[in-house]
Amino acid sequence: MKKRIGLLAAATVATLVPLAAATSASAAGEFHVSGVYYTTAQCHAAGVAGYNLWGPSFFCSDGPGGLVYLYTH
């Protein structure tokens, strides 16, 4: 009985660990839009102001219609 429980626990861990690692690795490389601004200066100021929320990893990119998108990690 103990051997069966041990095998079940090992199988469960062997299944869940790769799934958790894949989720973390996928999320680690993602940037997402956190704001849309009219100028690059506004976008950069918002990125700096949001340091406590997303840290230093952000960039501003030109988008359609002359808008500037703030991407954060």
PDB file of N, CA and C in Angstrom:
ATOM      1  N   MET A   1       0.822  -1.203   0.000  1.00  0.00           N
ATOM      2  CA  MET A   1       0.000   0.000   0.000  1.00  0.00           C
ATOM      3  C   MET A   1       0.863   1.263   0.000  1.00  0.00           C
ATOM      4  N   LYS A   2       1.914   1.255   0.841  1.00  0.00           N
ATOM      5  CA  LYS A   2       2.806   2.420   0.889  1.00  0.00           C
ATOM      6  C   LYS A   2       3.511   2.617  -0.449  1.00  0.00           C
ATOM      7  N   LYS A   3       3.849   1.507  -1.082  1.00  0.00           N
ATOM      8  CA  LYS A   3       4.522   1.597  -2.374  1.00  0.00           C
ATOM      9  C   LYS A   3       3.603   2.209  -3.421  1.00  0.00           C
ATOM     10  N   ARG A   4       2.326   1.860  -3.408  1.00  0.00           N
ATOM     11  CA  ARG A   4       1.363   2.423  -4.357  1.00  0.00           C
ATOM     12  C   ARG A   4       1.177   3.913  -4.132  1.00  0.00           C
ATOM     13  N   ILE A   5       1.092   4.315  -2.876  1.00  0.00           N
ATOM     14  CA  ILE A   5       0.947   5.741  -2.560  1.00  0.00           C
ATOM     15  C   ILE A   5       2.185   6.503  -3.016  1.00  0.00           C
ATOM     16  N   GLY A   6       3.353   5.919  -2.777  1.00  0.00           N
ATOM     17  CA  GLY A   6       4.598   6.547  -3.216  1.00  0.00           C
ATOM     18  C   GLY A   6       4.666   6.704  -4.724  1.00  0.00           C
ATOM     19  N   LEU A   7       4.245   5.657  -5.442  1.00  0.00           N
ATOM     20  CA  LEU A   7       4.234   5.720  -6.907  1.00  0.00           C
ATOM     21  C   LEU A   7       3.233   6.754  -7.415  1.00  0.00           C
ATOM     22  N   LEU A   8       2.071   6.817  -6.768  1.00  0.00           N
ATOM     23  CA  LEU A   8       1.069   7.807  -7.151  1.00  0.00           C
ATOM     24  C   LEU A   8       1.585   9.227  -6.921  1.00  0.00           C
ATOM     25  N   ALA A   9       2.223   9.430  -5.781  1.00  0.00           N
ATOM     26  CA  ALA A   9       2.781  10.759  -5.482  1.00  0.00           C
ATOM     27  C   ALA A   9       3.871  11.121  -6.488  1.00  0.00           C
ATOM     28  N   ALA A  10       4.730  10.169  -6.809  1.00  0.00           N
ATOM     29  CA  ALA A  10       5.804  10.429  -7.769  1.00  0.00           C
ATOM     30  C   ALA A  10       5.238  10.744  -9.151  1.00  0.00           C
ATOM     31  N   ALA A  11       4.212  10.016  -9.555  1.00  0.00           N
ATOM     32  CA  ALA A  11       3.597  10.267 -10.858  1.00  0.00           C
ATOM     33  C   ALA A  11       2.938  11.643 -10.900  1.00  0.00           C
ATOM     34  N   THR A  12       2.298  12.022  -9.802  1.00  0.00           N
ATOM     35  CA  THR A  12       1.654  13.337  -9.733  1.00  0.00           C
ATOM     36  C   THR A  12       2.693  14.452  -9.842  1.00  0.00           C
ATOM     37  N   VAL A  13       3.782  14.330  -9.084  1.00  0.00           N
ATOM     38  CA  VAL A  13       4.840  15.344  -9.130  1.00  0.00           C
ATOM     39  C   VAL A  13       5.470  15.385 -10.516  1.00  0.00           C
ATOM     40  N   ALA A  14       5.715  14.222 -11.111  1.00  0.00           N
ATOM     41  CA  ALA A  14       6.327  14.171 -12.441  1.00  0.00           C
ATOM     42  C   ALA A  14       5.441  14.826 -13.495  1.00  0.00           C
ATOM     43  N   THR A  15       4.135  14.817 -13.272  1.00  0.00           N
ATOM     44  CA  THR A  15       3.209  15.447 -14.206  1.00  0.00           C
ATOM     45  C   THR A  15       3.120  16.944 -13.979  1.00  0.00           C
ATOM     46  N   LEU A  16       3.062  17.380 -12.730  1.00  0.00           N
ATOM     47  CA  LEU A  16       2.822  18.788 -12.412  1.00  0.00           C
ATOM     48  C   LEU A  16       4.054  19.671 -12.560  1.00  0.00           C
ATOM     49  N   VAL A  17       5.232  19.171 -12.266  1.00  0.00           N
ATOM     50  CA  VAL A  17       6.441  20.003 -12.328  1.00  0.00           C
ATOM     51  C   VAL A  17       6.703  20.519 -13.742  1.00  0.00           C
ATOM     52  N   PRO A  18       6.676  19.671 -14.781  1.00  0.00           N
ATOM     53  CA  PRO A  18       6.888  20.228 -16.137  1.00  0.00           C
ATOM     54  C   PRO A  18       5.818  21.231 -16.553  1.00  0.00           C
ATOM     55  N   LEU A  19       4.579  21.018 -16.124  1.00  0.00           N
ATOM     56  CA  LEU A  19       3.518  21.968 -16.460  1.00  0.00           C
ATOM     57  C   LEU A  19       3.773  23.318 -15.811  1.00  0.00           C
ATOM     58  N   ALA A  20       4.190  23.308 -14.555  1.00  0.00           N
ATOM     59  CA  ALA A  20       4.487  24.564 -13.858  1.00  0.00           C
ATOM     60  C   ALA A  20       5.678  25.267 -14.485  1.00  0.00           C
ATOM     61  N   ALA A  21       6.691  24.516 -14.871  1.00  0.00           N
ATOM     62  CA  ALA A  21       7.867  25.108 -15.494  1.00  0.00           C
ATOM     63  C   ALA A  21       7.518  25.713 -16.846  1.00  0.00           C
ATOM     64  N   ALA A  22       6.686  25.052 -17.618  1.00  0.00           N
ATOM     65  CA  ALA A  22       6.297  25.567 -18.931  1.00  0.00           C
ATOM     66  C   ALA A  22       5.501  26.857 -18.787  1.00  0.00           C
ATOM     67  N   THR A  23       4.629  26.923 -17.803  1.00  0.00           N
ATOM     68  CA  THR A  23       3.840  28.132 -17.574  1.00  0.00           C
ATOM     69  C   THR A  23       4.746  29.290 -17.188  1.00  0.00           C
ATOM     70  N   SER A  24       5.704  29.044 -16.311  1.00  0.00           N
ATOM     71  CA  SER A  24       6.619  30.099 -15.870  1.00  0.00           C
ATOM     72  C   SER A  24       7.499  30.570 -17.011  1.00  0.00           C
ATOM     73  N   ALA A  25       8.000  29.643 -17.801  1.00  0.00           N
ATOM     74  CA  ALA A  25       8.872  30.020 -18.911  1.00  0.00           C
ATOM     75  C   ALA A  25       8.106  30.830 -19.945  1.00  0.00           C
ATOM     76  N   SER A  26       6.873  30.476 -20.183  1.00  0.00           N
ATOM     77  CA  SER A  26       6.060  31.202 -21.145  1.00  0.00           C
ATOM     78  C   SER A  26       5.782  32.618 -20.660  1.00  0.00           C
ATOM     79  N   ALA A  27       5.411  32.746 -19.418  1.00  0.00           N
ATOM     80  CA  ALA A  27       5.082  34.056 -18.866  1.00  0.00           C
ATOM     81  C   ALA A  27       6.316  34.926 -18.703  1.00  0.00           C
ATOM     82  N   ALA A  28       7.482  34.314 -18.552  1.00  0.00           N
ATOM     83  CA  ALA A  28       8.702  35.079 -18.317  1.00  0.00           C
ATOM     84  C   ALA A  28       9.081  35.950 -19.514  1.00  0.00           C
ATOM     85  N   GLY A  29       8.720  35.547 -20.721  1.00  0.00           N
ATOM     86  CA  GLY A  29       9.111  36.295 -21.901  1.00  0.00           C
ATOM     87  C   GLY A  29       8.060  37.228 -22.445  1.00  0.00           C
ATOM     88  N   GLU A  30       6.941  37.330 -21.799  1.00  0.00           N
ATOM     89  CA  GLU A  30       5.836  38.109 -22.338  1.00  0.00           C
ATOM     90  C   GLU A  30       5.900  39.577 -21.945  1.00  0.00           C
ATOM     91  N   PHE A  31       5.652  40.439 -22.903  1.00  0.00           N
ATOM     92  CA  PHE A  31       5.391  41.849 -22.640  1.00  0.00           C
ATOM     93  C   PHE A  31       3.929  42.085 -22.981  1.00  0.00           C
ATOM     94  N   HIS A  32       3.281  42.962 -22.270  1.00  0.00           N
ATOM     95  CA  HIS A  32       1.884  43.266 -22.581  1.00  0.00           C
ATOM     96  C   HIS A  32       1.657  44.770 -22.523  1.00  0.00           C
ATOM     97  N   VAL A  33       0.633  45.223 -23.201  1.00  0.00           N
ATOM     98  CA  VAL A  33       0.324  46.654 -23.272  1.00  0.00           C
ATOM     99  C   VAL A  33      -0.251  47.100 -21.932  1.00  0.00           C
ATOM    100  N   SER A  34       0.363  48.139 -21.364  1.00  0.00           N
ATOM    101  CA  SER A  34      -0.115  48.683 -20.093  1.00  0.00           C
ATOM    102  C   SER A  34      -0.687  50.085 -20.245  1.00  0.00           C
ATOM    103  N   GLY A  35      -0.551  50.661 -21.425  1.00  0.00           N
ATOM    104  CA  GLY A  35      -1.107  51.987 -21.639  1.00  0.00           C
ATOM    105  C   GLY A  35      -0.910  52.458 -23.066  1.00  0.00           C
ATOM    106  N   VAL A  36      -1.712  53.444 -23.446  1.00  0.00           N
ATOM    107  CA  VAL A  36      -1.631  54.047 -24.775  1.00  0.00           C
ATOM    108  C   VAL A  36      -1.567  55.555 -24.581  1.00  0.00           C
ATOM    109  N   TYR A  37      -0.595  56.192 -25.238  1.00  0.00           N
ATOM    110  CA  TYR A  37      -0.352  57.625 -25.032  1.00  0.00           C
ATOM    111  C   TYR A  37      -0.228  58.343 -26.372  1.00  0.00           C
ATOM    112  N   TYR A  38      -0.306  59.671 -26.314  1.00  0.00           N
ATOM    113  CA  TYR A  38      -0.216  60.481 -27.528  1.00  0.00           C
ATOM    114  C   TYR A  38       1.229  60.769 -27.930  1.00  0.00           C
ATOM    115  N   THR A  39       2.138  60.833 -26.952  1.00  0.00           N
ATOM    116  CA  THR A  39       3.538  61.135 -27.264  1.00  0.00           C
ATOM    117  C   THR A  39       4.462  60.121 -26.594  1.00  0.00           C
ATOM    118  N   THR A  40       5.662  60.018 -27.133  1.00  0.00           N
ATOM    119  CA  THR A  40       6.666  59.133 -26.544  1.00  0.00           C
ATOM    120  C   THR A  40       7.062  59.629 -25.161  1.00  0.00           C
ATOM    121  N   ALA A  41       7.114  60.936 -24.972  1.00  0.00           N
ATOM    122  CA  ALA A  41       7.474  61.490 -23.658  1.00  0.00           C
ATOM    123  C   ALA A  41       6.448  61.091 -22.594  1.00  0.00           C
ATOM    124  N   GLN A  42       5.155  61.150 -22.943  1.00  0.00           N
ATOM    125  CA  GLN A  42       4.113  60.733 -21.997  1.00  0.00           C
ATOM    126  C   GLN A  42       4.256  59.247 -21.672  1.00  0.00           C
ATOM    127  N   CYS A  43       4.519  58.447 -22.681  1.00  0.00           N
ATOM    128  CA  CYS A  43       4.667  57.011 -22.502  1.00  0.00           C
ATOM    129  C   CYS A  43       5.852  56.699 -21.585  1.00  0.00           C
ATOM    130  N   HIS A  44       6.982  57.331 -21.859  1.00  0.00           N
ATOM    131  CA  HIS A  44       8.174  57.098 -21.043  1.00  0.00           C
ATOM    132  C   HIS A  44       7.945  57.545 -19.595  1.00  0.00           C
ATOM    133  N   ALA A  45       7.302  58.676 -19.414  1.00  0.00           N
ATOM    134  CA  ALA A  45       7.017  59.163 -18.055  1.00  0.00           C
ATOM    135  C   ALA A  45       6.114  58.173 -17.311  1.00  0.00           C
ATOM    136  N   ALA A  46       5.144  57.595 -17.996  1.00  0.00           N
ATOM    137  CA  ALA A  46       4.265  56.607 -17.374  1.00  0.00           C
ATOM    138  C   ALA A  46       5.037  55.329 -17.035  1.00  0.00           C
ATOM    139  N   GLY A  47       5.941  54.933 -17.901  1.00  0.00           N
ATOM    140  CA  GLY A  47       6.764  53.754 -17.633  1.00  0.00           C
ATOM    141  C   GLY A  47       7.635  53.937 -16.407  1.00  0.00           C
ATOM    142  N   VAL A  48       8.250  55.110 -16.284  1.00  0.00           N
ATOM    143  CA  VAL A  48       9.074  55.411 -15.112  1.00  0.00           C
ATOM    144  C   VAL A  48       8.208  55.504 -13.858  1.00  0.00           C
ATOM    145  N   ALA A  49       7.046  56.129 -13.970  1.00  0.00           N
ATOM    146  CA  ALA A  49       6.150  56.279 -12.812  1.00  0.00           C
ATOM    147  C   ALA A  49       5.620  54.929 -12.326  1.00  0.00           C
ATOM    148  N   GLY A  50       5.524  53.943 -13.203  1.00  0.00           N
ATOM    149  CA  GLY A  50       5.007  52.634 -12.830  1.00  0.00           C
ATOM    150  C   GLY A  50       6.072  51.661 -12.352  1.00  0.00           C
ATOM    151  N   TYR A  51       7.235  52.159 -12.011  1.00  0.00           N
ATOM    152  CA  TYR A  51       8.354  51.310 -11.576  1.00  0.00           C
ATOM    153  C   TYR A  51       7.949  50.341 -10.466  1.00  0.00           C
ATOM    154  N   ASN A  52       7.173  50.798  -9.493  1.00  0.00           N
ATOM    155  CA  ASN A  52       6.761  49.933  -8.375  1.00  0.00           C
ATOM    156  C   ASN A  52       5.837  48.820  -8.830  1.00  0.00           C
ATOM    157  N   LEU A  53       5.133  48.998  -9.939  1.00  0.00           N
ATOM    158  CA  LEU A  53       4.222  47.973 -10.435  1.00  0.00           C
ATOM    159  C   LEU A  53       4.926  46.934 -11.304  1.00  0.00           C
ATOM    160  N   TRP A  54       5.759  47.385 -12.258  1.00  0.00           N
ATOM    161  CA  TRP A  54       6.358  46.437 -13.202  1.00  0.00           C
ATOM    162  C   TRP A  54       7.869  46.477 -13.253  1.00  0.00           C
ATOM    163  N   GLY A  55       8.502  47.280 -12.439  1.00  0.00           N
ATOM    164  CA  GLY A  55       9.957  47.331 -12.422  1.00  0.00           C
ATOM    165  C   GLY A  55      10.504  48.106 -13.607  1.00  0.00           C
ATOM    166  N   PRO A  56      11.796  47.945 -13.879  1.00  0.00           N
ATOM    167  CA  PRO A  56      12.429  48.743 -14.936  1.00  0.00           C
ATOM    168  C   PRO A  56      12.212  48.202 -16.350  1.00  0.00           C
ATOM    169  N   SER A  57      11.534  47.076 -16.492  1.00  0.00           N
ATOM    170  CA  SER A  57      11.360  46.453 -17.809  1.00  0.00           C
ATOM    171  C   SER A  57      10.125  46.988 -18.520  1.00  0.00           C
ATOM    172  N   PHE A  58      10.324  48.010 -19.340  1.00  0.00           N
ATOM    173  CA  PHE A  58       9.237  48.552 -20.153  1.00  0.00           C
ATOM    174  C   PHE A  58       9.833  49.187 -21.397  1.00  0.00           C
ATOM    175  N   PHE A  59       9.006  49.343 -22.412  1.00  0.00           N
ATOM    176  CA  PHE A  59       9.431  50.098 -23.587  1.00  0.00           C
ATOM    177  C   PHE A  59       8.212  50.704 -24.259  1.00  0.00           C
ATOM    178  N   CYS A  60       8.438  51.746 -25.020  1.00  0.00           N
ATOM    179  CA  CYS A  60       7.382  52.448 -25.746  1.00  0.00           C
ATOM    180  C   CYS A  60       7.547  52.169 -27.238  1.00  0.00           C
ATOM    181  N   SER A  61       6.425  51.926 -27.906  1.00  0.00           N
ATOM    182  CA  SER A  61       6.464  51.595 -29.325  1.00  0.00           C
ATOM    183  C   SER A  61       5.354  52.335 -30.058  1.00  0.00           C
ATOM    184  N   ASP A  62       5.690  52.834 -31.252  1.00  0.00           N
ATOM    185  CA  ASP A  62       4.684  53.506 -32.074  1.00  0.00           C
ATOM    186  C   ASP A  62       3.625  52.502 -32.523  1.00  0.00           C
ATOM    187  N   GLY A  63       2.385  52.944 -32.485  1.00  0.00           N
ATOM    188  CA  GLY A  63       1.281  52.093 -32.897  1.00  0.00           C
ATOM    189  C   GLY A  63       0.463  52.761 -33.981  1.00  0.00           C
ATOM    190  N   PRO A  64      -0.643  52.163 -34.341  1.00  0.00           N
ATOM    191  CA  PRO A  64      -1.495  52.742 -35.388  1.00  0.00           C
ATOM    192  C   PRO A  64      -2.146  54.043 -34.928  1.00  0.00           C
ATOM    193  N   GLY A  65      -2.410  54.917 -35.876  1.00  0.00           N
ATOM    194  CA  GLY A  65      -3.071  56.178 -35.579  1.00  0.00           C
ATOM    195  C   GLY A  65      -2.198  57.183 -34.862  1.00  0.00           C
ATOM    196  N   GLY A  66      -0.872  56.997 -34.905  1.00  0.00           N
ATOM    197  CA  GLY A  66       0.036  57.939 -34.269  1.00  0.00           C
ATOM    198  C   GLY A  66       0.093  57.792 -32.752  1.00  0.00           C
ATOM    199  N   LEU A  67      -0.463  56.746 -32.196  1.00  0.00           N
ATOM    200  CA  LEU A  67      -0.427  56.530 -30.746  1.00  0.00           C
ATOM    201  C   LEU A  67       0.839  55.780 -30.348  1.00  0.00           C
ATOM    202  N   VAL A  68       1.211  55.908 -29.088  1.00  0.00           N
ATOM    203  CA  VAL A  68       2.400  55.255 -28.568  1.00  0.00           C
ATOM    204  C   VAL A  68       1.960  54.272 -27.495  1.00  0.00           C
ATOM    205  N   TYR A  69       2.375  53.022 -27.617  1.00  0.00           N
ATOM    206  CA  TYR A  69       1.982  51.962 -26.688  1.00  0.00           C
ATOM    207  C   TYR A  69       3.076  51.710 -25.668  1.00  0.00           C
ATOM    208  N   LEU A  70       2.679  51.586 -24.400  1.00  0.00           N
ATOM    209  CA  LEU A  70       3.602  51.248 -23.313  1.00  0.00           C
ATOM    210  C   LEU A  70       3.509  49.735 -23.085  1.00  0.00           C
ATOM    211  N   TYR A  71       4.629  49.044 -23.284  1.00  0.00           N
ATOM    212  CA  TYR A  71       4.705  47.609 -23.042  1.00  0.00           C
ATOM    213  C   TYR A  71       5.501  47.365 -21.775  1.00  0.00           C
ATOM    214  N   THR A  72       4.957  46.521 -20.894  1.00  0.00           N
ATOM    215  CA  THR A  72       5.639  46.199 -19.643  1.00  0.00           C
ATOM    216  C   THR A  72       5.824  44.689 -19.538  1.00  0.00           C
ATOM    217  N   HIS A  73       6.772  44.318 -18.718  1.00  0.00           N
ATOM    218  CA  HIS A  73       7.086  42.907 -18.529  1.00  0.00           C
ATOM    219  C   HIS A  73       6.431  42.412 -17.266  1.00  0.00           C
TER     220      HIS A  73
END
